[in-house]
Amino acid sequence: MTHGHQHTTMIRSAAVLLVGLFCITATYAQETLTIEKKKSEETILAPAVEERLKPQRMFSLGAFGGYALDINAASELVLPDIPSCCPGYDGAMGGGFVGGLGIELPLSNSLEFVGRLTFHATSVSQTKLEPITVRQGNQAVSANITHELTSSMSVLSVEPLLLFKMGERFGLVGGLRAGMLMGATYDQQERLDESIPYTYNGSAVRNASSGTLPQTSAFQFGLVLGARYALPMNAAGTLRLVPEVQFSPLFTSIISGQSWSVHSLRMMLGLQYDLMRMVPEASPLSPR
């Protein structure tokens, strides 16, 4: 075999080898592109994961009402500028209606802000016995002058409170009470004992008067401390009946310059409704 013939044979072999390598490379590239295209199509066509929603409480609205047992704490109380011989009243137990509207905002799982507008109407009768000695014939007879003061008043208060929840139903509530005395009236008189033969110009009653309580303190300030229990009224638990007991002392006097404040024991029943919204539910792929 001549040298030229060998050279031609080598060239042909190299060409065949190059063509073979090109075909193998082209085939591999085509298969790779096909696999990547399928993956891309699968990614595009894969259904999106549906986001699950759950209800979340935004705030609660409510109304409440009940009875207030009012402790009228007084010491030598005398109505200014009102004719009376009374040495001073020392308080008594009274009572009346308490009710209002409220809103509750959750701050955490166990703490909520409570805002209330409260109306409180109360009345009380205070009595003071003044011992006297009178002559009946040739004898000294002991008797009493009975001083009576009946008063009625109403207070409109704003109460910012905090509710500490101890479980799903029971909670403790506490905060401030700031209000305005909306109206206050009185009826006062002095009576002699009917057992003695004496009168005031033919009547057993004197210094009888009535009208608006004088020199009242318009602003009233105190505290609210209490406990409550929530009873669900529907399956979702968004409607609740809430019995509540509160003690609400006032630190301001009803009449300026006099010792007379009212401390209330409230027994109330409330109705609450939750306003809800839908929020995404937390998941391992999307923690909230």
C-alpha atoms as a PDB file:
ATOM      1  CA  MET A   1       0.000   0.000   0.000  1.00  0.00           C
ATOM      2  CA  THR A   2       1.436   3.265  -1.042  1.00  0.00           C
ATOM      3  CA  HIS A   3       1.912   6.182   1.287  1.00  0.00           C
ATOM      4  CA  GLY A   4      -0.848   8.231  -0.469  1.00  0.00           C
ATOM      5  CA  HIS A   5      -3.356   5.475  -0.113  1.00  0.00           C
ATOM      6  CA  GLN A   6      -2.670   5.157   3.640  1.00  0.00           C
ATOM      7  CA  HIS A   7      -3.126   8.868   4.081  1.00  0.00           C
ATOM      8  CA  THR A   8      -6.513   8.789   2.307  1.00  0.00           C
ATOM      9  CA  THR A   9      -7.687   5.887   4.444  1.00  0.00           C
ATOM     10  CA  MET A  10      -6.789   7.746   7.647  1.00  0.00           C
ATOM     11  CA  ILE A  11      -8.682  10.829   6.540  1.00  0.00           C
ATOM     12  CA  ARG A  12     -11.779   8.758   5.807  1.00  0.00           C
ATOM     13  CA  SER A  13     -11.595   7.038   9.210  1.00  0.00           C
ATOM     14  CA  ALA A  14     -11.280  10.362  11.001  1.00  0.00           C
ATOM     15  CA  ALA A  15     -14.256  11.754   9.100  1.00  0.00           C
ATOM     16  CA  VAL A  16     -16.390   8.715  10.014  1.00  0.00           C
ATOM     17  CA  LEU A  17     -15.371   9.114  13.659  1.00  0.00           C
ATOM     18  CA  LEU A  18     -16.247  12.834  13.671  1.00  0.00           C
ATOM     19  CA  VAL A  19     -19.632  12.162  12.087  1.00  0.00           C
ATOM     20  CA  GLY A  20     -20.343   9.481  14.683  1.00  0.00           C
ATOM     21  CA  LEU A  21     -19.379  11.786  17.561  1.00  0.00           C
ATOM     22  CA  PHE A  22     -21.550  14.549  16.112  1.00  0.00           C
ATOM     23  CA  CYS A  23     -24.559  12.239  15.866  1.00  0.00           C
ATOM     24  CA  ILE A  24     -24.106  10.997  19.447  1.00  0.00           C
ATOM     25  CA  THR A  25     -23.726  14.570  20.753  1.00  0.00           C
ATOM     26  CA  ALA A  26     -26.778  15.783  18.816  1.00  0.00           C
ATOM     27  CA  THR A  27     -28.891  12.891  20.080  1.00  0.00           C
ATOM     28  CA  TYR A  28     -27.857  13.536  23.724  1.00  0.00           C
ATOM     29  CA  ALA A  29     -28.559  17.262  23.383  1.00  0.00           C
ATOM     30  CA  GLN A  30     -32.016  16.554  21.918  1.00  0.00           C
ATOM     31  CA  GLU A  31     -32.872  14.194  24.792  1.00  0.00           C
ATOM     32  CA  THR A  32     -31.670  16.764  27.365  1.00  0.00           C
ATOM     33  CA  LEU A  33     -33.802  19.524  25.806  1.00  0.00           C
ATOM     34  CA  THR A  34     -36.824  17.217  25.764  1.00  0.00           C
ATOM     35  CA  ILE A  35     -36.426  16.375  29.489  1.00  0.00           C
ATOM     36  CA  GLU A  36     -35.993  20.053  30.471  1.00  0.00           C
ATOM     37  CA  LYS A  37     -39.041  21.020  28.405  1.00  0.00           C
ATOM     38  CA  LYS A  38     -41.154  18.368  30.123  1.00  0.00           C
ATOM     39  CA  LYS A  39     -39.990  19.578  33.556  1.00  0.00           C
ATOM     40  CA  SER A  40     -40.820  23.151  32.632  1.00  0.00           C
ATOM     41  CA  GLU A  41     -44.285  22.148  31.370  1.00  0.00           C
ATOM     42  CA  GLU A  42     -44.902  20.140  34.522  1.00  0.00           C
ATOM     43  CA  THR A  43     -43.926  23.149  36.650  1.00  0.00           C
ATOM     44  CA  ILE A  44     -46.235  25.455  34.705  1.00  0.00           C
ATOM     45  CA  LEU A  45     -49.133  23.004  34.691  1.00  0.00           C
ATOM     46  CA  ALA A  46     -48.785  21.984  38.361  1.00  0.00           C
ATOM     47  CA  PRO A  47     -51.863  23.136  40.282  1.00  0.00           C
ATOM     48  CA  ALA A  48     -51.328  25.936  42.839  1.00  0.00           C
ATOM     49  CA  VAL A  49     -51.677  24.963  46.487  1.00  0.00           C
ATOM     50  CA  GLU A  50     -54.991  26.362  47.764  1.00  0.00           C
ATOM     51  CA  GLU A  51     -54.552  28.729  50.738  1.00  0.00           C
ATOM     52  CA  ARG A  52     -56.749  27.730  53.690  1.00  0.00           C
ATOM     53  CA  LEU A  53     -58.558  30.411  55.644  1.00  0.00           C
ATOM     54  CA  LYS A  54     -59.766  30.442  59.232  1.00  0.00           C
ATOM     55  CA  PRO A  55     -62.022  32.863  61.176  1.00  0.00           C
ATOM     56  CA  GLN A  56     -60.361  35.358  63.496  1.00  0.00           C
ATOM     57  CA  ARG A  57     -62.096  37.616  66.039  1.00  0.00           C
ATOM     58  CA  MET A  58     -61.569  41.328  65.405  1.00  0.00           C
ATOM     59  CA  PHE A  59     -63.533  42.762  68.346  1.00  0.00           C
ATOM     60  CA  SER A  60     -66.740  42.277  70.324  1.00  0.00           C
ATOM     61  CA  LEU A  61     -69.725  44.552  70.877  1.00  0.00           C
ATOM     62  CA  GLY A  62     -72.039  44.219  73.834  1.00  0.00           C
ATOM     63  CA  ALA A  63     -74.736  45.611  76.084  1.00  0.00           C
ATOM     64  CA  PHE A  64     -75.242  44.998  79.784  1.00  0.00           C
ATOM     65  CA  GLY A  65     -77.577  45.903  82.614  1.00  0.00           C
ATOM     66  CA  GLY A  66     -78.398  45.026  86.185  1.00  0.00           C
ATOM     67  CA  TYR A  67     -78.744  46.162  89.766  1.00  0.00           C
ATOM     68  CA  ALA A  68     -76.251  48.128  91.847  1.00  0.00           C
ATOM     69  CA  LEU A  69     -76.198  47.918  95.630  1.00  0.00           C
ATOM     70  CA  ASP A  70     -74.833  51.336  96.608  1.00  0.00           C
ATOM     71  CA  ILE A  71     -72.969  52.000  99.839  1.00  0.00           C
ATOM     72  CA  ASN A  72     -73.347  55.706 100.635  1.00  0.00           C
ATOM     73  CA  ALA A  73     -70.360  56.494 102.839  1.00  0.00           C
ATOM     74  CA  ALA A  74     -70.863  59.802 104.687  1.00  0.00           C
ATOM     75  CA  SER A  75     -69.629  61.466 107.841  1.00  0.00           C
ATOM     76  CA  GLU A  76     -71.527  64.384 109.446  1.00  0.00           C
ATOM     77  CA  LEU A  77     -73.047  65.225 106.074  1.00  0.00           C
ATOM     78  CA  VAL A  78     -74.975  68.513 105.996  1.00  0.00           C
ATOM     79  CA  LEU A  79     -76.504  70.031 102.867  1.00  0.00           C
ATOM     80  CA  PRO A  80     -74.983  73.483 102.406  1.00  0.00           C
ATOM     81  CA  ASP A  81     -77.385  76.466 102.448  1.00  0.00           C
ATOM     82  CA  ILE A  82     -80.366  74.201 103.275  1.00  0.00           C
ATOM     83  CA  PRO A  83     -82.119  74.966 106.620  1.00  0.00           C
ATOM     84  CA  SER A  84     -81.711  71.997 108.963  1.00  0.00           C
ATOM     85  CA  CYS A  85     -80.920  71.252 112.610  1.00  0.00           C
ATOM     86  CA  CYS A  86     -79.422  67.868 111.747  1.00  0.00           C
ATOM     87  CA  PRO A  87     -76.016  67.291 113.372  1.00  0.00           C
ATOM     88  CA  GLY A  88     -74.976  65.370 110.249  1.00  0.00           C
ATOM     89  CA  TYR A  89     -75.863  62.210 108.304  1.00  0.00           C
ATOM     90  CA  ASP A  90     -73.619  59.158 108.416  1.00  0.00           C
ATOM     91  CA  GLY A  91     -74.567  57.303 105.251  1.00  0.00           C
ATOM     92  CA  ALA A  92     -76.834  54.380 104.373  1.00  0.00           C
ATOM     93  CA  MET A  93     -77.408  51.612 101.847  1.00  0.00           C
ATOM     94  CA  GLY A  94     -79.170  52.458  98.599  1.00  0.00           C
ATOM     95  CA  GLY A  95     -79.523  50.969  95.159  1.00  0.00           C
ATOM     96  CA  GLY A  96     -80.517  51.450  91.570  1.00  0.00           C
ATOM     97  CA  PHE A  97     -80.065  50.539  87.919  1.00  0.00           C
ATOM     98  CA  VAL A  98     -76.745  50.230  86.103  1.00  0.00           C
ATOM     99  CA  GLY A  99     -76.359  49.543  82.381  1.00  0.00           C
ATOM    100  CA  GLY A 100     -74.534  50.521  79.238  1.00  0.00           C
ATOM    101  CA  LEU A 101     -72.649  49.579  76.074  1.00  0.00           C
ATOM    102  CA  GLY A 102     -69.181  48.152  75.586  1.00  0.00           C
ATOM    103  CA  ILE A 103     -66.481  47.144  73.113  1.00  0.00           C
ATOM    104  CA  GLU A 104     -63.696  44.607  73.619  1.00  0.00           C
ATOM    105  CA  LEU A 105     -60.437  44.377  71.631  1.00  0.00           C
ATOM    106  CA  PRO A 106     -58.134  41.340  71.963  1.00  0.00           C
ATOM    107  CA  LEU A 107     -54.525  42.288  72.808  1.00  0.00           C
ATOM    108  CA  SER A 108     -53.242  38.736  73.267  1.00  0.00           C
ATOM    109  CA  ASN A 109     -54.594  35.265  73.970  1.00  0.00           C
ATOM    110  CA  SER A 110     -55.218  36.168  77.614  1.00  0.00           C
ATOM    111  CA  LEU A 111     -55.519  39.977  77.681  1.00  0.00           C
ATOM    112  CA  GLU A 112     -58.172  42.291  76.228  1.00  0.00           C
ATOM    113  CA  PHE A 113     -58.975  45.992  76.325  1.00  0.00           C
ATOM    114  CA  VAL A 114     -62.536  46.767  77.419  1.00  0.00           C
ATOM    115  CA  GLY A 115     -64.160  50.161  76.884  1.00  0.00           C
ATOM    116  CA  ARG A 116     -67.577  50.892  78.382  1.00  0.00           C
ATOM    117  CA  LEU A 117     -70.086  53.718  78.534  1.00  0.00           C
ATOM    118  CA  THR A 118     -72.073  53.206  81.747  1.00  0.00           C
ATOM    119  CA  PHE A 119     -75.221  54.860  83.109  1.00  0.00           C
ATOM    120  CA  HIS A 120     -75.895  54.503  86.833  1.00  0.00           C
ATOM    121  CA  ALA A 121     -79.080  55.775  88.532  1.00  0.00           C
ATOM    122  CA  THR A 122     -79.321  55.445  92.309  1.00  0.00           C
ATOM    123  CA  SER A 123     -81.329  56.636  95.299  1.00  0.00           C
ATOM    124  CA  VAL A 124     -80.872  56.406  99.054  1.00  0.00           C
ATOM    125  CA  SER A 125     -82.603  57.472 102.269  1.00  0.00           C
ATOM    126  CA  GLN A 126     -80.357  58.561 105.133  1.00  0.00           C
ATOM    127  CA  THR A 127     -81.723  58.909 108.652  1.00  0.00           C
ATOM    128  CA  LYS A 128     -80.247  60.560 111.729  1.00  0.00           C
ATOM    129  CA  LEU A 129     -81.819  60.317 115.197  1.00  0.00           C
ATOM    130  CA  GLU A 130     -81.204  63.290 117.479  1.00  0.00           C
ATOM    131  CA  PRO A 131     -82.060  62.454 121.125  1.00  0.00           C
ATOM    132  CA  ILE A 132     -83.915  65.162 123.067  1.00  0.00           C
ATOM    133  CA  THR A 133     -85.493  65.441 126.489  1.00  0.00           C
ATOM    134  CA  VAL A 134     -88.844  67.227 126.938  1.00  0.00           C
ATOM    135  CA  ARG A 135     -91.088  67.848 129.892  1.00  0.00           C
ATOM    136  CA  GLN A 136     -94.410  66.071 129.900  1.00  0.00           C
ATOM    137  CA  GLY A 137     -96.356  67.233 132.935  1.00  0.00           C
ATOM    138  CA  ASN A 138     -94.004  66.881 135.896  1.00  0.00           C
ATOM    139  CA  GLN A 139     -91.822  64.294 134.167  1.00  0.00           C
ATOM    140  CA  ALA A 140     -88.815  64.496 131.861  1.00  0.00           C
ATOM    141  CA  VAL A 141     -89.450  62.357 128.794  1.00  0.00           C
ATOM    142  CA  SER A 142     -86.836  61.191 126.324  1.00  0.00           C
ATOM    143  CA  ALA A 143     -87.700  61.452 122.639  1.00  0.00           C
ATOM    144  CA  ASN A 144     -86.072  61.835 119.216  1.00  0.00           C
ATOM    145  CA  ILE A 145     -86.029  64.241 116.368  1.00  0.00           C
ATOM    146  CA  THR A 146     -85.784  62.124 113.212  1.00  0.00           C
ATOM    147  CA  HIS A 147     -83.856  63.804 110.415  1.00  0.00           C
ATOM    148  CA  GLU A 148     -84.485  62.297 106.972  1.00  0.00           C
ATOM    149  CA  LEU A 149     -82.655  62.938 103.719  1.00  0.00           C
ATOM    150  CA  THR A 150     -83.751  61.123 100.557  1.00  0.00           C
ATOM    151  CA  SER A 151     -81.628  61.695  97.454  1.00  0.00           C
ATOM    152  CA  SER A 152     -81.591  60.516  93.841  1.00  0.00           C
ATOM    153  CA  MET A 153     -78.801  60.948  91.326  1.00  0.00           C
ATOM    154  CA  SER A 154     -77.443  59.610  88.044  1.00  0.00           C
ATOM    155  CA  VAL A 155     -73.887  59.332  86.736  1.00  0.00           C
ATOM    156  CA  LEU A 156     -72.693  58.787  83.154  1.00  0.00           C
ATOM    157  CA  SER A 157     -69.230  57.206  83.138  1.00  0.00           C
ATOM    158  CA  VAL A 158     -66.499  56.136  80.743  1.00  0.00           C
ATOM    159  CA  GLU A 159     -64.718  53.009  81.941  1.00  0.00           C
ATOM    160  CA  PRO A 160     -61.399  51.937  80.332  1.00  0.00           C
ATOM    161  CA  LEU A 161     -60.683  48.425  81.628  1.00  0.00           C
ATOM    162  CA  LEU A 162     -58.415  45.429  81.104  1.00  0.00           C
ATOM    163  CA  LEU A 163     -59.781  41.878  80.992  1.00  0.00           C
ATOM    164  CA  PHE A 164     -57.465  39.052  82.055  1.00  0.00           C
ATOM    165  CA  LYS A 165     -58.868  35.762  80.720  1.00  0.00           C
ATOM    166  CA  MET A 166     -58.310  32.679  82.841  1.00  0.00           C
ATOM    167  CA  GLY A 167     -59.434  30.049  80.363  1.00  0.00           C
ATOM    168  CA  GLU A 168     -62.102  30.244  77.699  1.00  0.00           C
ATOM    169  CA  ARG A 169     -64.927  31.469  79.937  1.00  0.00           C
ATOM    170  CA  PHE A 170     -63.728  32.978  83.227  1.00  0.00           C
ATOM    171  CA  GLY A 171     -61.987  36.333  83.490  1.00  0.00           C
ATOM    172  CA  LEU A 172     -61.003  39.135  85.873  1.00  0.00           C
ATOM    173  CA  VAL A 173     -61.616  42.775  84.948  1.00  0.00           C
ATOM    174  CA  GLY A 174     -60.202  45.987  86.390  1.00  0.00           C
ATOM    175  CA  GLY A 175     -59.667  49.610  85.487  1.00  0.00           C
ATOM    176  CA  LEU A 176     -60.802  53.188  85.961  1.00  0.00           C
ATOM    177  CA  ARG A 177     -64.175  54.910  86.196  1.00  0.00           C
ATOM    178  CA  ALA A 178     -64.504  58.577  85.224  1.00  0.00           C
ATOM    179  CA  GLY A 179     -67.951  60.148  84.978  1.00  0.00           C
ATOM    180  CA  MET A 180     -70.176  63.174  85.173  1.00  0.00           C
ATOM    181  CA  LEU A 181     -72.978  63.712  87.661  1.00  0.00           C
ATOM    182  CA  MET A 182     -75.950  64.165  85.333  1.00  0.00           C
ATOM    183  CA  GLY A 183     -78.573  65.073  87.920  1.00  0.00           C
ATOM    184  CA  ALA A 184     -79.088  65.024  91.694  1.00  0.00           C
ATOM    185  CA  THR A 185     -82.171  65.873  93.740  1.00  0.00           C
ATOM    186  CA  TYR A 186     -83.100  65.697  97.425  1.00  0.00           C
ATOM    187  CA  ASP A 187     -86.042  65.697  99.834  1.00  0.00           C
ATOM    188  CA  GLN A 188     -85.325  66.562 103.471  1.00  0.00           C
ATOM    189  CA  GLN A 189     -87.354  66.993 106.659  1.00  0.00           C
ATOM    190  CA  GLU A 190     -87.288  66.742 110.471  1.00  0.00           C
ATOM    191  CA  ARG A 191     -90.006  64.938 112.501  1.00  0.00           C
ATOM    192  CA  LEU A 192     -90.814  64.929 116.175  1.00  0.00           C
ATOM    193  CA  ASP A 193     -91.791  61.672 117.878  1.00  0.00           C
ATOM    194  CA  GLU A 194     -95.549  61.238 117.867  1.00  0.00           C
ATOM    195  CA  SER A 195     -95.364  59.957 121.453  1.00  0.00           C
ATOM    196  CA  ILE A 196     -94.803  63.449 122.888  1.00  0.00           C
ATOM    197  CA  PRO A 197     -97.421  66.242 122.959  1.00  0.00           C
ATOM    198  CA  TYR A 198     -95.307  68.803 121.125  1.00  0.00           C
ATOM    199  CA  THR A 199     -95.478  70.141 117.592  1.00  0.00           C
ATOM    200  CA  TYR A 200     -93.861  72.734 115.377  1.00  0.00           C
ATOM    201  CA  ASN A 201     -96.670  75.271 115.054  1.00  0.00           C
ATOM    202  CA  GLY A 202     -99.236  72.502 114.890  1.00  0.00           C
ATOM    203  CA  SER A 203     -97.148  70.104 112.771  1.00  0.00           C
ATOM    204  CA  ALA A 204     -94.793  67.331 113.735  1.00  0.00           C
ATOM    205  CA  VAL A 205     -92.598  68.187 110.708  1.00  0.00           C
ATOM    206  CA  ARG A 206     -90.333  71.186 110.160  1.00  0.00           C
ATOM    207  CA  ASN A 207     -87.553  72.319 107.831  1.00  0.00           C
ATOM    208  CA  ALA A 208     -89.115  70.376 104.993  1.00  0.00           C
ATOM    209  CA  SER A 209     -87.502  71.178 101.647  1.00  0.00           C
ATOM    210  CA  SER A 210     -86.725  69.566  98.325  1.00  0.00           C
ATOM    211  CA  GLY A 211     -85.012  70.422  95.060  1.00  0.00           C
ATOM    212  CA  THR A 212     -81.609  70.075  93.387  1.00  0.00           C
ATOM    213  CA  LEU A 213     -78.685  69.042  95.545  1.00  0.00           C
ATOM    214  CA  PRO A 214     -76.529  72.132  96.124  1.00  0.00           C
ATOM    215  CA  GLN A 215     -72.831  72.479  95.343  1.00  0.00           C
ATOM    216  CA  THR A 216     -72.418  69.047  93.766  1.00  0.00           C
ATOM    217  CA  SER A 217     -69.121  67.859  92.295  1.00  0.00           C
ATOM    218  CA  ALA A 218     -69.774  67.288  88.605  1.00  0.00           C
ATOM    219  CA  PHE A 219     -66.711  65.075  88.058  1.00  0.00           C
ATOM    220  CA  GLN A 220     -66.714  61.633  89.667  1.00  0.00           C
ATOM    221  CA  PHE A 221     -63.678  59.336  89.673  1.00  0.00           C
ATOM    222  CA  GLY A 222     -63.117  55.784  90.916  1.00  0.00           C
ATOM    223  CA  LEU A 223     -62.132  52.200  90.157  1.00  0.00           C
ATOM    224  CA  VAL A 224     -63.785  49.087  88.741  1.00  0.00           C
ATOM    225  CA  LEU A 225     -62.819  45.597  89.945  1.00  0.00           C
ATOM    226  CA  GLY A 226     -64.756  42.476  89.024  1.00  0.00           C
ATOM    227  CA  ALA A 227     -65.117  38.961  87.679  1.00  0.00           C
ATOM    228  CA  ARG A 228     -67.154  37.521  84.816  1.00  0.00           C
ATOM    229  CA  TYR A 229     -68.146  34.228  83.189  1.00  0.00           C
ATOM    230  CA  ALA A 230     -69.033  33.773  79.498  1.00  0.00           C
ATOM    231  CA  LEU A 231     -71.764  31.346  78.406  1.00  0.00           C
ATOM    232  CA  PRO A 232     -71.830  30.544  74.625  1.00  0.00           C
ATOM    233  CA  MET A 233     -75.232  31.038  73.001  1.00  0.00           C
ATOM    234  CA  ASN A 234     -74.502  29.580  69.536  1.00  0.00           C
ATOM    235  CA  ALA A 235     -72.407  26.796  68.014  1.00  0.00           C
ATOM    236  CA  ALA A 236     -69.673  29.134  66.768  1.00  0.00           C
ATOM    237  CA  GLY A 237     -69.338  30.780  70.183  1.00  0.00           C
ATOM    238  CA  THR A 238     -69.673  34.262  68.684  1.00  0.00           C
ATOM    239  CA  LEU A 239     -72.737  35.113  70.793  1.00  0.00           C
ATOM    240  CA  ARG A 240     -72.344  34.973  74.569  1.00  0.00           C
ATOM    241  CA  LEU A 241     -74.342  35.622  77.722  1.00  0.00           C
ATOM    242  CA  VAL A 242     -72.022  37.153  80.324  1.00  0.00           C
ATOM    243  CA  PRO A 243     -72.948  37.402  84.031  1.00  0.00           C
ATOM    244  CA  GLU A 244     -70.619  39.784  85.865  1.00  0.00           C
ATOM    245  CA  VAL A 245     -70.026  41.032  89.409  1.00  0.00           C
ATOM    246  CA  GLN A 246     -68.138  44.275  90.075  1.00  0.00           C
ATOM    247  CA  PHE A 247     -67.086  46.443  92.991  1.00  0.00           C
ATOM    248  CA  SER A 248     -66.775  50.092  91.992  1.00  0.00           C
ATOM    249  CA  PRO A 249     -65.636  52.575  94.672  1.00  0.00           C
ATOM    250  CA  LEU A 250     -65.746  56.338  94.063  1.00  0.00           C
ATOM    251  CA  PHE A 251     -62.983  58.561  95.436  1.00  0.00           C
ATOM    252  CA  THR A 252     -64.747  61.884  94.901  1.00  0.00           C
ATOM    253  CA  SER A 253     -67.501  63.397  97.047  1.00  0.00           C
ATOM    254  CA  ILE A 254     -71.011  64.025  95.764  1.00  0.00           C
ATOM    255  CA  ILE A 255     -71.038  67.478  97.391  1.00  0.00           C
ATOM    256  CA  SER A 256     -67.986  69.741  97.426  1.00  0.00           C
ATOM    257  CA  GLY A 257     -66.487  70.132 100.866  1.00  0.00           C
ATOM    258  CA  GLN A 258     -68.572  67.304 102.343  1.00  0.00           C
ATOM    259  CA  SER A 259     -67.758  63.666 103.084  1.00  0.00           C
ATOM    260  CA  TRP A 260     -70.180  61.710 100.872  1.00  0.00           C
ATOM    261  CA  SER A 261     -69.127  59.131  98.315  1.00  0.00           C
ATOM    262  CA  VAL A 262     -70.885  56.132  96.783  1.00  0.00           C
ATOM    263  CA  HIS A 263     -69.320  52.666  96.474  1.00  0.00           C
ATOM    264  CA  SER A 264     -71.254  50.229  94.293  1.00  0.00           C
ATOM    265  CA  LEU A 265     -71.571  46.458  94.200  1.00  0.00           C
ATOM    266  CA  ARG A 266     -72.854  45.739  90.692  1.00  0.00           C
ATOM    267  CA  MET A 267     -74.597  42.542  89.622  1.00  0.00           C
ATOM    268  CA  MET A 268     -75.027  42.607  85.862  1.00  0.00           C
ATOM    269  CA  LEU A 269     -75.924  40.439  82.887  1.00  0.00           C
ATOM    270  CA  GLY A 270     -74.441  41.190  79.482  1.00  0.00           C
ATOM    271  CA  LEU A 271     -74.872  40.048  75.887  1.00  0.00           C
ATOM    272  CA  GLN A 272     -71.836  40.033  73.566  1.00  0.00           C
ATOM    273  CA  TYR A 273     -71.369  39.441  69.850  1.00  0.00           C
ATOM    274  CA  ASP A 274     -68.023  38.839  68.085  1.00  0.00           C
ATOM    275  CA  LEU A 275     -67.202  40.441  64.723  1.00  0.00           C
ATOM    276  CA  MET A 276     -64.988  38.080  62.718  1.00  0.00           C
ATOM    277  CA  ARG A 277     -62.736  38.155  59.661  1.00  0.00           C
ATOM    278  CA  MET A 278     -61.098  35.402  57.567  1.00  0.00           C
ATOM    279  CA  VAL A 279     -57.291  35.145  57.677  1.00  0.00           C
ATOM    280  CA  PRO A 280     -54.821  32.633  56.120  1.00  0.00           C
ATOM    281  CA  GLU A 281     -54.264  29.586  58.269  1.00  0.00           C
ATOM    282  CA  ALA A 282     -50.688  28.848  59.287  1.00  0.00           C
ATOM    283  CA  SER A 283     -49.003  25.781  57.732  1.00  0.00           C
ATOM    284  CA  PRO A 284     -45.473  24.247  57.723  1.00  0.00           C
ATOM    285  CA  LEU A 285     -44.875  25.744  54.263  1.00  0.00           C
ATOM    286  CA  SER A 286     -46.328  29.138  55.230  1.00  0.00           C
ATOM    287  CA  PRO A 287     -45.956  29.810  58.965  1.00  0.00           C
ATOM    288  CA  ARG A 288     -47.889  32.758  60.368  1.00  0.00           C
END
